[in-house]
Protein backbone atom coordinates (compact mmCIF):
# COMPACT_ATOMS: atom_id res chain seq x y z
CA MET A 1 0.00 0.00 0.00
CA GLU A 2 1.39 3.37 -1.02
CA THR A 3 1.10 6.51 1.06
CA PRO A 4 -0.44 9.51 -0.68
CA SER A 5 1.99 12.25 -1.51
CA MET A 6 1.51 15.60 0.18
CA THR A 7 2.88 17.68 -2.67
CA PRO A 8 0.22 19.24 -4.88
CA ASP A 9 0.05 18.56 -8.56
CA PRO A 10 2.03 21.34 -10.31
CA MET A 11 -0.47 21.56 -13.17
CA SER A 12 -3.42 22.29 -10.89
CA THR A 13 -1.72 25.18 -9.05
CA GLN A 14 -0.89 27.20 -12.15
CA ALA A 15 -3.42 29.92 -12.85
CA GLU A 16 -4.79 30.44 -16.32
CA PRO A 17 -3.12 33.37 -18.07
CA LYS A 18 -5.48 36.36 -18.15
CA LYS A 19 -6.72 37.25 -21.62
CA SER A 20 -6.04 40.85 -22.61
CA ASN A 21 -8.92 42.98 -23.93
CA THR A 22 -6.74 45.86 -25.12
CA GLY A 23 -7.48 45.29 -28.81
CA LEU A 24 -11.22 45.19 -28.21
CA ILE A 25 -11.12 48.39 -26.15
CA ILE A 26 -9.12 50.21 -28.83
CA ALA A 27 -11.52 49.04 -31.54
CA VAL A 28 -14.56 50.26 -29.58
CA VAL A 29 -12.96 53.67 -28.94
CA VAL A 30 -12.03 54.06 -32.62
CA VAL A 31 -15.55 53.15 -33.76
CA LEU A 32 -17.09 55.63 -31.30
CA LEU A 33 -14.75 58.40 -32.46
CA LEU A 34 -15.60 57.71 -36.09
CA CYS A 35 -19.32 57.82 -35.30
CA CYS A 36 -18.90 61.14 -33.50
CA CYS A 37 -16.91 62.57 -36.41
CA CYS A 38 -19.64 61.47 -38.85
CA ILE A 39 -22.39 63.01 -36.70
CA PHE A 40 -20.53 66.32 -36.36
CA GLY A 41 -19.62 66.30 -40.05
CA ILE A 42 -23.20 65.74 -41.19
CA GLY A 43 -24.46 68.34 -38.69
CA GLY A 44 -21.89 70.87 -39.88
CA TRP A 45 -22.78 70.24 -43.50
CA TYR A 46 -26.49 70.67 -42.71
CA LEU A 47 -25.86 73.94 -40.88
CA TRP A 48 -23.60 75.17 -43.69
CA ALA A 49 -26.29 74.45 -46.27
CA ASN A 50 -29.33 75.62 -44.24
CA GLY A 51 -27.89 78.03 -41.68
CA ASP A 52 -29.24 81.21 -43.32
CA GLN A 53 -32.77 79.80 -43.46
CA LEU A 54 -32.60 78.68 -39.85
CA MET A 55 -31.34 82.06 -38.69
CA ASN A 56 -34.05 83.90 -40.62
CA LYS A 57 -36.75 81.70 -39.10
CA GLY A 58 -35.29 82.14 -35.62
CA THR A 59 -35.07 85.90 -35.83
CA SER A 60 -38.56 86.20 -37.27
CA LEU A 61 -39.93 84.10 -34.40
CA LEU A 62 -38.15 86.29 -31.89
CA LEU A 63 -39.42 89.48 -33.52
CA ASN A 64 -42.99 88.14 -33.49
CA LEU A 65 -42.72 87.49 -29.74
CA LEU A 66 -41.77 91.11 -29.10
């Protein structure tokens, strides 16, 4: 009859290496920045094309309130 060994199995004590999420985080940040740039770009283009009409409507509304 053999006596059980008191030393732990070396394979069971090693922790799993932690998976890095750096690439995923960078990808999400880049996509968010691109979406913000598109939103601001489209908004700027809209204001450039329609800014005079919007200002005329706004000032006429203000003058009517007075």
